[in-house]
Amino acid sequence: MDNWILILGMLAITFATRYSLFAFPDLRFPPLVRQGLHYVPTAVLTAIVVPGMLFPDGQHLALSLDNAYLLAGLATIAIAAVTRHLLATIGGGLLVFFVLRWVLGQLPL
């Protein structure tokens, strides 16, 4: 029963925050808040991706040259910085990742 209360509470909070933008269409944020919101996608993506690069098994820090996740992540950052093109970043990062996994013998074929 406690899980259902928790789920319903999360549903209510999520709905309220999303609906408030539609309920109050004339709502304007101060410039400082708008500037801060500009960095939210970058912060969220970093919080999701970096632990996967540094802890590929989920438990141990892997800062070595046989960590394809870390090397491909760094290559992807470089591709993004050079090209500033989303499709090139995604494609290049995937290509580097799978080539590294193949070279390092980590692909389960």
PDB file of N, CA and C in Angstrom:
ATOM      1  N   MET A   1       0.818  -1.202   0.000  1.00  0.00           N
ATOM      2  CA  MET A   1       0.000   0.000   0.000  1.00  0.00           C
ATOM      3  C   MET A   1       0.859   1.262   0.000  1.00  0.00           C
ATOM      4  N   ASP A   2       1.994   1.203   0.712  1.00  0.00           N
ATOM      5  CA  ASP A   2       2.877   2.371   0.752  1.00  0.00           C
ATOM      6  C   ASP A   2       3.436   2.697  -0.630  1.00  0.00           C
ATOM      7  N   ASN A   3       3.704   1.668  -1.430  1.00  0.00           N
ATOM      8  CA  ASN A   3       4.229   1.911  -2.778  1.00  0.00           C
ATOM      9  C   ASN A   3       3.211   2.657  -3.627  1.00  0.00           C
ATOM     10  N   TRP A   4       1.927   2.296  -3.503  1.00  0.00           N
ATOM     11  CA  TRP A   4       0.891   2.965  -4.287  1.00  0.00           C
ATOM     12  C   TRP A   4       0.739   4.423  -3.869  1.00  0.00           C
ATOM     13  N   ILE A   5       0.863   4.700  -2.593  1.00  0.00           N
ATOM     14  CA  ILE A   5       0.792   6.090  -2.120  1.00  0.00           C
ATOM     15  C   ILE A   5       1.966   6.887  -2.687  1.00  0.00           C
ATOM     16  N   LEU A   6       3.142   6.269  -2.688  1.00  0.00           N
ATOM     17  CA  LEU A   6       4.322   6.921  -3.239  1.00  0.00           C
ATOM     18  C   LEU A   6       4.149   7.181  -4.740  1.00  0.00           C
ATOM     19  N   ILE A   7       3.645   6.203  -5.465  1.00  0.00           N
ATOM     20  CA  ILE A   7       3.436   6.356  -6.903  1.00  0.00           C
ATOM     21  C   ILE A   7       2.404   7.448  -7.180  1.00  0.00           C
ATOM     22  N   LEU A   8       1.307   7.452  -6.459  1.00  0.00           N
ATOM     23  CA  LEU A   8       0.281   8.478  -6.655  1.00  0.00           C
ATOM     24  C   LEU A   8       0.800   9.871  -6.290  1.00  0.00           C
ATOM     25  N   GLY A   9       1.623   9.946  -5.262  1.00  0.00           N
ATOM     26  CA  GLY A   9       2.219  11.230  -4.885  1.00  0.00           C
ATOM     27  C   GLY A   9       3.149  11.757  -5.970  1.00  0.00           C
ATOM     28  N   MET A  10       3.975  10.872  -6.539  1.00  0.00           N
ATOM     29  CA  MET A  10       4.863  11.283  -7.620  1.00  0.00           C
ATOM     30  C   MET A  10       4.059  11.700  -8.852  1.00  0.00           C
ATOM     31  N   LEU A  11       2.966  10.987  -9.116  1.00  0.00           N
ATOM     32  CA  LEU A  11       2.100  11.336 -10.233  1.00  0.00           C
ATOM     33  C   LEU A  11       1.513  12.729 -10.049  1.00  0.00           C
ATOM     34  N   ALA A  12       1.038  13.012  -8.842  1.00  0.00           N
ATOM     35  CA  ALA A  12       0.421  14.317  -8.572  1.00  0.00           C
ATOM     36  C   ALA A  12       1.431  15.449  -8.713  1.00  0.00           C
ATOM     37  N   ILE A  13       2.624  15.251  -8.191  1.00  0.00           N
ATOM     38  CA  ILE A  13       3.649  16.293  -8.269  1.00  0.00           C
ATOM     39  C   ILE A  13       4.089  16.512  -9.715  1.00  0.00           C
ATOM     40  N   THR A  14       4.300  15.430 -10.450  1.00  0.00           N
ATOM     41  CA  THR A  14       4.700  15.552 -11.851  1.00  0.00           C
ATOM     42  C   THR A  14       3.619  16.241 -12.670  1.00  0.00           C
ATOM     43  N   PHE A  15       2.365  15.831 -12.459  1.00  0.00           N
ATOM     44  CA  PHE A  15       1.271  16.449 -13.194  1.00  0.00           C
ATOM     45  C   PHE A  15       1.160  17.930 -12.861  1.00  0.00           C
ATOM     46  N   ALA A  16       1.275  18.278 -11.585  1.00  0.00           N
ATOM     47  CA  ALA A  16       1.131  19.683 -11.177  1.00  0.00           C
ATOM     48  C   ALA A  16       2.216  20.562 -11.801  1.00  0.00           C
ATOM     49  N   THR A  17       3.448  20.064 -11.823  1.00  0.00           N
ATOM     50  CA  THR A  17       4.523  20.882 -12.393  1.00  0.00           C
ATOM     51  C   THR A  17       4.379  21.026 -13.900  1.00  0.00           C
ATOM     52  N   ARG A  18       3.932  19.978 -14.590  1.00  0.00           N
ATOM     53  CA  ARG A  18       3.757  20.069 -16.046  1.00  0.00           C
ATOM     54  C   ARG A  18       2.521  20.899 -16.401  1.00  0.00           C
ATOM     55  N   TYR A  19       1.442  20.688 -15.678  1.00  0.00           N
ATOM     56  CA  TYR A  19       0.189  21.369 -15.983  1.00  0.00           C
ATOM     57  C   TYR A  19       0.274  22.864 -15.680  1.00  0.00           C
ATOM     58  N   SER A  20       1.099  23.236 -14.723  1.00  0.00           N
ATOM     59  CA  SER A  20       1.172  24.648 -14.346  1.00  0.00           C
ATOM     60  C   SER A  20       1.620  25.523 -15.514  1.00  0.00           C
ATOM     61  N   LEU A  21       2.433  24.971 -16.409  1.00  0.00           N
ATOM     62  CA  LEU A  21       2.880  25.755 -17.563  1.00  0.00           C
ATOM     63  C   LEU A  21       1.739  25.998 -18.543  1.00  0.00           C
ATOM     64  N   PHE A  22       0.757  25.070 -18.590  1.00  0.00           N
ATOM     65  CA  PHE A  22      -0.399  25.258 -19.463  1.00  0.00           C
ATOM     66  C   PHE A  22      -1.488  26.085 -18.774  1.00  0.00           C
ATOM     67  N   ALA A  23      -1.602  25.938 -17.463  1.00  0.00           N
ATOM     68  CA  ALA A  23      -2.641  26.640 -16.723  1.00  0.00           C
ATOM     69  C   ALA A  23      -2.352  28.138 -16.626  1.00  0.00           C
ATOM     70  N   PHE A  24      -1.079  28.484 -16.621  1.00  0.00           N
ATOM     71  CA  PHE A  24      -0.678  29.885 -16.508  1.00  0.00           C
ATOM     72  C   PHE A  24       0.189  30.260 -17.720  1.00  0.00           C
ATOM     73  N   PRO A  25      -0.418  30.446 -18.898  1.00  0.00           N
ATOM     74  CA  PRO A  25       0.387  30.679 -20.108  1.00  0.00           C
ATOM     75  C   PRO A  25       1.124  32.018 -20.103  1.00  0.00           C
ATOM     76  N   ASP A  26       0.684  32.954 -19.299  1.00  0.00           N
ATOM     77  CA  ASP A  26       1.351  34.258 -19.251  1.00  0.00           C
ATOM     78  C   ASP A  26       2.475  34.301 -18.224  1.00  0.00           C
ATOM     79  N   LEU A  27       2.783  33.165 -17.631  1.00  0.00           N
ATOM     80  CA  LEU A  27       3.840  33.088 -16.623  1.00  0.00           C
ATOM     81  C   LEU A  27       5.193  33.337 -17.286  1.00  0.00           C
ATOM     82  N   ARG A  28       5.929  34.279 -16.790  1.00  0.00           N
ATOM     83  CA  ARG A  28       7.256  34.598 -17.310  1.00  0.00           C
ATOM     84  C   ARG A  28       8.257  34.481 -16.170  1.00  0.00           C
ATOM     85  N   PHE A  29       9.336  33.784 -16.459  1.00  0.00           N
ATOM     86  CA  PHE A  29      10.373  33.604 -15.448  1.00  0.00           C
ATOM     87  C   PHE A  29      11.326  34.792 -15.473  1.00  0.00           C
ATOM     88  N   PRO A  30      11.903  35.123 -14.329  1.00  0.00           N
ATOM     89  CA  PRO A  30      12.924  36.172 -14.298  1.00  0.00           C
ATOM     90  C   PRO A  30      14.144  35.742 -15.124  1.00  0.00           C
ATOM     91  N   PRO A  31      14.922  36.701 -15.582  1.00  0.00           N
ATOM     92  CA  PRO A  31      16.090  36.374 -16.420  1.00  0.00           C
ATOM     93  C   PRO A  31      17.069  35.407 -15.754  1.00  0.00           C
ATOM     94  N   LEU A  32      17.260  35.528 -14.457  1.00  0.00           N
ATOM     95  CA  LEU A  32      18.185  34.635 -13.754  1.00  0.00           C
ATOM     96  C   LEU A  32      17.693  33.192 -13.793  1.00  0.00           C
ATOM     97  N   VAL A  33      16.389  32.979 -13.625  1.00  0.00           N
ATOM     98  CA  VAL A  33      15.816  31.633 -13.673  1.00  0.00           C
ATOM     99  C   VAL A  33      15.922  31.082 -15.097  1.00  0.00           C
ATOM    100  N   ARG A  34      15.616  31.898 -16.094  1.00  0.00           N
ATOM    101  CA  ARG A  34      15.733  31.455 -17.489  1.00  0.00           C
ATOM    102  C   ARG A  34      17.168  31.077 -17.829  1.00  0.00           C
ATOM    103  N   GLN A  35      18.109  31.846 -17.318  1.00  0.00           N
ATOM    104  CA  GLN A  35      19.519  31.538 -17.562  1.00  0.00           C
ATOM    105  C   GLN A  35      19.890  30.214 -16.901  1.00  0.00           C
ATOM    106  N   GLY A  36      19.400  29.981 -15.703  1.00  0.00           N
ATOM    107  CA  GLY A  36      19.666  28.717 -15.017  1.00  0.00           C
ATOM    108  C   GLY A  36      19.023  27.527 -15.706  1.00  0.00           C
ATOM    109  N   LEU A  37      17.811  27.708 -16.213  1.00  0.00           N
ATOM    110  CA  LEU A  37      17.116  26.629 -16.917  1.00  0.00           C
ATOM    111  C   LEU A  37      17.819  26.259 -18.222  1.00  0.00           C
ATOM    112  N   HIS A  38      18.589  27.170 -18.765  1.00  0.00           N
ATOM    113  CA  HIS A  38      19.334  26.898 -19.991  1.00  0.00           C
ATOM    114  C   HIS A  38      20.332  25.751 -19.791  1.00  0.00           C
ATOM    115  N   TYR A  39      20.835  25.563 -18.565  1.00  0.00           N
ATOM    116  CA  TYR A  39      21.855  24.555 -18.287  1.00  0.00           C
ATOM    117  C   TYR A  39      21.274  23.218 -17.820  1.00  0.00           C
ATOM    118  N   VAL A  40      19.972  23.129 -17.651  1.00  0.00           N
ATOM    119  CA  VAL A  40      19.360  21.899 -17.143  1.00  0.00           C
ATOM    120  C   VAL A  40      19.597  20.705 -18.062  1.00  0.00           C
ATOM    121  N   PRO A  41      19.372  20.783 -19.376  1.00  0.00           N
ATOM    122  CA  PRO A  41      19.603  19.596 -20.207  1.00  0.00           C
ATOM    123  C   PRO A  41      21.046  19.087 -20.149  1.00  0.00           C
ATOM    124  N   THR A  42      21.994  19.996 -20.151  1.00  0.00           N
ATOM    125  CA  THR A  42      23.397  19.595 -20.066  1.00  0.00           C
ATOM    126  C   THR A  42      23.694  18.910 -18.739  1.00  0.00           C
ATOM    127  N   ALA A  43      23.173  19.453 -17.656  1.00  0.00           N
ATOM    128  CA  ALA A  43      23.411  18.868 -16.344  1.00  0.00           C
ATOM    129  C   ALA A  43      22.765  17.492 -16.226  1.00  0.00           C
ATOM    130  N   VAL A  44      21.550  17.339 -16.734  1.00  0.00           N
ATOM    131  CA  VAL A  44      20.861  16.053 -16.654  1.00  0.00           C
ATOM    132  C   VAL A  44      21.577  15.011 -17.499  1.00  0.00           C
ATOM    133  N   LEU A  45      21.949  15.364 -18.718  1.00  0.00           N
ATOM    134  CA  LEU A  45      22.644  14.422 -19.589  1.00  0.00           C
ATOM    135  C   LEU A  45      23.988  14.020 -18.992  1.00  0.00           C
ATOM    136  N   THR A  46      24.703  14.959 -18.424  1.00  0.00           N
ATOM    137  CA  THR A  46      25.979  14.650 -17.776  1.00  0.00           C
ATOM    138  C   THR A  46      25.784  13.707 -16.606  1.00  0.00           C
ATOM    139  N   ALA A  47      24.759  13.936 -15.806  1.00  0.00           N
ATOM    140  CA  ALA A  47      24.494  13.071 -14.651  1.00  0.00           C
ATOM    141  C   ALA A  47      24.126  11.653 -15.063  1.00  0.00           C
ATOM    142  N   ILE A  48      23.569  11.496 -16.249  1.00  0.00           N
ATOM    143  CA  ILE A  48      23.205  10.159 -16.737  1.00  0.00           C
ATOM    144  C   ILE A  48      24.401   9.464 -17.385  1.00  0.00           C
ATOM    145  N   VAL A  49      25.176  10.182 -18.187  1.00  0.00           N
ATOM    146  CA  VAL A  49      26.211   9.571 -19.013  1.00  0.00           C
ATOM    147  C   VAL A  49      27.522   9.327 -18.264  1.00  0.00           C
ATOM    148  N   VAL A  50      27.984  10.272 -17.472  1.00  0.00           N
ATOM    149  CA  VAL A  50      29.311  10.162 -16.845  1.00  0.00           C
ATOM    150  C   VAL A  50      29.441   8.941 -15.928  1.00  0.00           C
ATOM    151  N   PRO A  51      28.470   8.605 -15.094  1.00  0.00           N
ATOM    152  CA  PRO A  51      28.630   7.379 -14.302  1.00  0.00           C
ATOM    153  C   PRO A  51      28.775   6.127 -15.168  1.00  0.00           C
ATOM    154  N   GLY A  52      28.091   6.080 -16.310  1.00  0.00           N
ATOM    155  CA  GLY A  52      28.239   4.938 -17.206  1.00  0.00           C
ATOM    156  C   GLY A  52      29.614   4.868 -17.844  1.00  0.00           C
ATOM    157  N   MET A  53      30.226   6.025 -18.068  1.00  0.00           N
ATOM    158  CA  MET A  53      31.581   6.049 -18.632  1.00  0.00           C
ATOM    159  C   MET A  53      32.621   5.648 -17.588  1.00  0.00           C
ATOM    160  N   LEU A  54      32.463   6.116 -16.369  1.00  0.00           N
ATOM    161  CA  LEU A  54      33.473   5.868 -15.337  1.00  0.00           C
ATOM    162  C   LEU A  54      33.273   4.555 -14.593  1.00  0.00           C
ATOM    163  N   PHE A  55      32.036   4.088 -14.501  1.00  0.00           N
ATOM    164  CA  PHE A  55      31.713   2.844 -13.809  1.00  0.00           C
ATOM    165  C   PHE A  55      30.952   1.914 -14.759  1.00  0.00           C
ATOM    166  N   PRO A  56      31.626   1.367 -15.787  1.00  0.00           N
ATOM    167  CA  PRO A  56      30.898   0.571 -16.776  1.00  0.00           C
ATOM    168  C   PRO A  56      30.256  -0.685 -16.200  1.00  0.00           C
ATOM    169  N   ASP A  57      30.801  -1.244 -15.139  1.00  0.00           N
ATOM    170  CA  ASP A  57      30.179  -2.418 -14.519  1.00  0.00           C
ATOM    171  C   ASP A  57      29.226  -2.027 -13.397  1.00  0.00           C
ATOM    172  N   GLY A  58      29.150  -0.750 -13.108  1.00  0.00           N
ATOM    173  CA  GLY A  58      28.234  -0.263 -12.081  1.00  0.00           C
ATOM    174  C   GLY A  58      28.797  -0.250 -10.682  1.00  0.00           C
ATOM    175  N   GLN A  59      30.008  -0.765 -10.494  1.00  0.00           N
ATOM    176  CA  GLN A  59      30.554  -0.855  -9.139  1.00  0.00           C
ATOM    177  C   GLN A  59      31.971  -0.316  -8.994  1.00  0.00           C
ATOM    178  N   HIS A  60      32.810  -0.543 -10.007  1.00  0.00           N
ATOM    179  CA  HIS A  60      34.224  -0.208  -9.875  1.00  0.00           C
ATOM    180  C   HIS A  60      34.613   0.893 -10.859  1.00  0.00           C
ATOM    181  N   LEU A  61      35.396   1.837 -10.348  1.00  0.00           N
ATOM    182  CA  LEU A  61      35.900   2.924 -11.179  1.00  0.00           C
ATOM    183  C   LEU A  61      36.891   2.356 -12.194  1.00  0.00           C
ATOM    184  N   ALA A  62      36.703   2.646 -13.473  1.00  0.00           N
ATOM    185  CA  ALA A  62      37.552   2.094 -14.531  1.00  0.00           C
ATOM    186  C   ALA A  62      38.189   3.230 -15.322  1.00  0.00           C
ATOM    187  N   LEU A  63      39.354   3.663 -14.873  1.00  0.00           N
ATOM    188  CA  LEU A  63      40.103   4.711 -15.561  1.00  0.00           C
ATOM    189  C   LEU A  63      41.302   4.076 -16.268  1.00  0.00           C
ATOM    190  N   SER A  64      41.030   3.208 -17.227  1.00  0.00           N
ATOM    191  CA  SER A  64      42.098   2.515 -17.933  1.00  0.00           C
ATOM    192  C   SER A  64      41.852   2.586 -19.436  1.00  0.00           C
ATOM    193  N   LEU A  65      42.867   2.200 -20.195  1.00  0.00           N
ATOM    194  CA  LEU A  65      42.773   2.270 -21.646  1.00  0.00           C
ATOM    195  C   LEU A  65      41.958   1.126 -22.239  1.00  0.00           C
ATOM    196  N   ASP A  66      41.491   0.195 -21.427  1.00  0.00           N
ATOM    197  CA  ASP A  66      40.611  -0.857 -21.942  1.00  0.00           C
ATOM    198  C   ASP A  66      39.142  -0.583 -21.616  1.00  0.00           C
ATOM    199  N   ASN A  67      38.839   0.621 -21.164  1.00  0.00           N
ATOM    200  CA  ASN A  67      37.459   1.032 -20.899  1.00  0.00           C
ATOM    201  C   ASN A  67      36.917   1.716 -22.158  1.00  0.00           C
ATOM    202  N   ALA A  68      36.224   0.935 -22.984  1.00  0.00           N
ATOM    203  CA  ALA A  68      35.698   1.465 -24.246  1.00  0.00           C
ATOM    204  C   ALA A  68      34.658   2.551 -24.002  1.00  0.00           C
ATOM    205  N   TYR A  69      33.932   2.462 -22.906  1.00  0.00           N
ATOM    206  CA  TYR A  69      32.916   3.475 -22.594  1.00  0.00           C
ATOM    207  C   TYR A  69      33.561   4.837 -22.361  1.00  0.00           C
ATOM    208  N   LEU A  70      34.635   4.857 -21.601  1.00  0.00           N
ATOM    209  CA  LEU A  70      35.326   6.114 -21.305  1.00  0.00           C
ATOM    210  C   LEU A  70      35.985   6.690 -22.556  1.00  0.00           C
ATOM    211  N   LEU A  71      36.700   5.841 -23.293  1.00  0.00           N
ATOM    212  CA  LEU A  71      37.390   6.324 -24.488  1.00  0.00           C
ATOM    213  C   LEU A  71      36.408   6.810 -25.544  1.00  0.00           C
ATOM    214  N   ALA A  72      35.321   6.074 -25.753  1.00  0.00           N
ATOM    215  CA  ALA A  72      34.314   6.499 -26.735  1.00  0.00           C
ATOM    216  C   ALA A  72      33.612   7.768 -26.268  1.00  0.00           C
ATOM    217  N   GLY A  73      33.379   7.899 -24.977  1.00  0.00           N
ATOM    218  CA  GLY A  73      32.762   9.116 -24.453  1.00  0.00           C
ATOM    219  C   GLY A  73      33.644  10.331 -24.680  1.00  0.00           C
ATOM    220  N   LEU A  74      34.932  10.184 -24.442  1.00  0.00           N
ATOM    221  CA  LEU A  74      35.862  11.293 -24.677  1.00  0.00           C
ATOM    222  C   LEU A  74      35.945  11.625 -26.168  1.00  0.00           C
ATOM    223  N   ALA A  75      35.941  10.593 -27.018  1.00  0.00           N
ATOM    224  CA  ALA A  75      35.958  10.830 -28.466  1.00  0.00           C
ATOM    225  C   ALA A  75      34.676  11.525 -28.906  1.00  0.00           C
ATOM    226  N   THR A  76      33.562  11.150 -28.325  1.00  0.00           N
ATOM    227  CA  THR A  76      32.284  11.774 -28.670  1.00  0.00           C
ATOM    228  C   THR A  76      32.264  13.245 -28.263  1.00  0.00           C
ATOM    229  N   ILE A  77      32.827  13.544 -27.106  1.00  0.00           N
ATOM    230  CA  ILE A  77      32.930  14.944 -26.674  1.00  0.00           C
ATOM    231  C   ILE A  77      33.775  15.734 -27.665  1.00  0.00           C
ATOM    232  N   ALA A  78      34.874  15.136 -28.132  1.00  0.00           N
ATOM    233  CA  ALA A  78      35.732  15.803 -29.107  1.00  0.00           C
ATOM    234  C   ALA A  78      35.001  16.005 -30.436  1.00  0.00           C
ATOM    235  N   ILE A  79      34.252  14.990 -30.872  1.00  0.00           N
ATOM    236  CA  ILE A  79      33.495  15.114 -32.127  1.00  0.00           C
ATOM    237  C   ILE A  79      32.463  16.233 -32.002  1.00  0.00           C
ATOM    238  N   ALA A  80      31.779  16.288 -30.864  1.00  0.00           N
ATOM    239  CA  ALA A  80      30.772  17.333 -30.654  1.00  0.00           C
ATOM    240  C   ALA A  80      31.404  18.716 -30.643  1.00  0.00           C
ATOM    241  N   ALA A  81      32.568  18.840 -30.027  1.00  0.00           N
ATOM    242  CA  ALA A  81      33.234  20.140 -29.951  1.00  0.00           C
ATOM    243  C   ALA A  81      33.718  20.604 -31.324  1.00  0.00           C
ATOM    244  N   VAL A  82      34.162  19.667 -32.151  1.00  0.00           N
ATOM    245  CA  VAL A  82      34.690  20.030 -33.461  1.00  0.00           C
ATOM    246  C   VAL A  82      33.575  20.286 -34.465  1.00  0.00           C
ATOM    247  N   THR A  83      32.593  19.375 -34.534  1.00  0.00           N
ATOM    248  CA  THR A  83      31.589  19.471 -35.593  1.00  0.00           C
ATOM    249  C   THR A  83      30.378  20.318 -35.218  1.00  0.00           C
ATOM    250  N   ARG A  84      29.999  20.331 -33.943  1.00  0.00           N
ATOM    251  CA  ARG A  84      28.777  21.020 -33.491  1.00  0.00           C
ATOM    252  C   ARG A  84      27.553  20.528 -34.275  1.00  0.00           C
ATOM    253  N   HIS A  85      27.565  19.238 -34.626  1.00  0.00           N
ATOM    254  CA  HIS A  85      26.493  18.641 -35.408  1.00  0.00           C
ATOM    255  C   HIS A  85      25.994  17.410 -34.655  1.00  0.00           C
ATOM    256  N   LEU A  86      24.700  17.392 -34.325  1.00  0.00           N
ATOM    257  CA  LEU A  86      24.148  16.333 -33.484  1.00  0.00           C
ATOM    258  C   LEU A  86      24.267  14.966 -34.130  1.00  0.00           C
ATOM    259  N   LEU A  87      23.892  14.842 -35.385  1.00  0.00           N
ATOM    260  CA  LEU A  87      23.937  13.543 -36.050  1.00  0.00           C
ATOM    261  C   LEU A  87      25.371  13.039 -36.179  1.00  0.00           C
ATOM    262  N   ALA A  88      26.309  13.917 -36.487  1.00  0.00           N
ATOM    263  CA  ALA A  88      27.716  13.515 -36.569  1.00  0.00           C
ATOM    264  C   ALA A  88      28.221  13.067 -35.197  1.00  0.00           C
ATOM    265  N   THR A  89      27.772  13.729 -34.147  1.00  0.00           N
ATOM    266  CA  THR A  89      28.191  13.359 -32.800  1.00  0.00           C
ATOM    267  C   THR A  89      27.673  11.979 -32.423  1.00  0.00           C
ATOM    268  N   ILE A  90      26.396  11.741 -32.677  1.00  0.00           N
ATOM    269  CA  ILE A  90      25.809  10.446 -32.330  1.00  0.00           C
ATOM    270  C   ILE A  90      26.428   9.334 -33.180  1.00  0.00           C
ATOM    271  N   GLY A  91      26.475   9.540 -34.487  1.00  0.00           N
ATOM    272  CA  GLY A  91      27.032   8.517 -35.367  1.00  0.00           C
ATOM    273  C   GLY A  91      28.504   8.255 -35.102  1.00  0.00           C
ATOM    274  N   GLY A  92      29.275   9.322 -34.961  1.00  0.00           N
ATOM    275  CA  GLY A  92      30.704   9.170 -34.678  1.00  0.00           C
ATOM    276  C   GLY A  92      30.960   8.500 -33.349  1.00  0.00           C
ATOM    277  N   GLY A  93      30.194   8.879 -32.336  1.00  0.00           N
ATOM    278  CA  GLY A  93      30.356   8.262 -31.024  1.00  0.00           C
ATOM    279  C   GLY A  93      30.029   6.778 -31.034  1.00  0.00           C
ATOM    280  N   LEU A  94      28.945   6.410 -31.702  1.00  0.00           N
ATOM    281  CA  LEU A  94      28.595   4.991 -31.808  1.00  0.00           C
ATOM    282  C   LEU A  94      29.646   4.219 -32.596  1.00  0.00           C
ATOM    283  N   LEU A  95      30.114   4.806 -33.689  1.00  0.00           N
ATOM    284  CA  LEU A  95      31.135   4.149 -34.494  1.00  0.00           C
ATOM    285  C   LEU A  95      32.407   3.927 -33.677  1.00  0.00           C
ATOM    286  N   VAL A  96      32.864   4.953 -32.975  1.00  0.00           N
ATOM    287  CA  VAL A  96      34.071   4.835 -32.146  1.00  0.00           C
ATOM    288  C   VAL A  96      33.855   3.793 -31.060  1.00  0.00           C
ATOM    289  N   PHE A  97      32.686   3.801 -30.435  1.00  0.00           N
ATOM    290  CA  PHE A  97      32.406   2.854 -29.355  1.00  0.00           C
ATOM    291  C   PHE A  97      32.477   1.415 -29.849  1.00  0.00           C
ATOM    292  N   PHE A  98      31.791   1.113 -30.956  1.00  0.00           N
ATOM    293  CA  PHE A  98      31.763  -0.263 -31.420  1.00  0.00           C
ATOM    294  C   PHE A  98      33.110  -0.702 -32.002  1.00  0.00           C
ATOM    295  N   VAL A  99      33.847   0.207 -32.639  1.00  0.00           N
ATOM    296  CA  VAL A  99      35.191  -0.139 -33.108  1.00  0.00           C
ATOM    297  C   VAL A  99      36.103  -0.425 -31.918  1.00  0.00           C
ATOM    298  N   LEU A 100      36.015   0.389 -30.879  1.00  0.00           N
ATOM    299  CA  LEU A 100      36.827   0.132 -29.679  1.00  0.00           C
ATOM    300  C   LEU A 100      36.463  -1.200 -29.030  1.00  0.00           C
ATOM    301  N   ARG A 101      35.172  -1.481 -28.926  1.00  0.00           N
ATOM    302  CA  ARG A 101      34.752  -2.772 -28.348  1.00  0.00           C
ATOM    303  C   ARG A 101      35.281  -3.934 -29.186  1.00  0.00           C
ATOM    304  N   TRP A 102      35.273  -3.771 -30.516  1.00  0.00           N
ATOM    305  CA  TRP A 102      35.774  -4.829 -31.393  1.00  0.00           C
ATOM    306  C   TRP A 102      37.284  -4.989 -31.252  1.00  0.00           C
ATOM    307  N   VAL A 103      38.008  -3.850 -31.246  1.00  0.00           N
ATOM    308  CA  VAL A 103      39.471  -3.895 -31.123  1.00  0.00           C
ATOM    309  C   VAL A 103      39.881  -4.477 -29.767  1.00  0.00           C
ATOM    310  N   LEU A 104      39.182  -4.126 -28.724  1.00  0.00           N
ATOM    311  CA  LEU A 104      39.509  -4.612 -27.388  1.00  0.00           C
ATOM    312  C   LEU A 104      38.981  -6.011 -27.111  1.00  0.00           C
ATOM    313  N   GLY A 105      38.264  -6.594 -28.071  1.00  0.00           N
ATOM    314  CA  GLY A 105      37.753  -7.958 -27.891  1.00  0.00           C
ATOM    315  C   GLY A 105      36.598  -8.034 -26.900  1.00  0.00           C
ATOM    316  N   GLN A 106      35.811  -6.991 -26.804  1.00  0.00           N
ATOM    317  CA  GLN A 106      34.725  -6.963 -25.828  1.00  0.00           C
ATOM    318  C   GLN A 106      33.353  -7.158 -26.452  1.00  0.00           C
ATOM    319  N   LEU A 107      33.296  -7.377 -27.768  1.00  0.00           N
ATOM    320  CA  LEU A 107      32.012  -7.611 -28.419  1.00  0.00           C
ATOM    321  C   LEU A 107      31.629  -9.077 -28.303  1.00  0.00           C
ATOM    322  N   PRO A 108      30.459  -9.371 -27.776  1.00  0.00           N
ATOM    323  CA  PRO A 108      30.036 -10.781 -27.654  1.00  0.00           C
ATOM    324  C   PRO A 108      29.488 -11.293 -28.988  1.00  0.00           C
ATOM    325  N   LEU A 109      30.359 -11.819 -29.828  1.00  0.00           N
ATOM    326  CA  LEU A 109      29.930 -12.318 -31.145  1.00  0.00           C
ATOM    327  C   LEU A 109      29.830 -13.811 -31.151  1.00  0.00           C
TER     328      LEU A 109
END
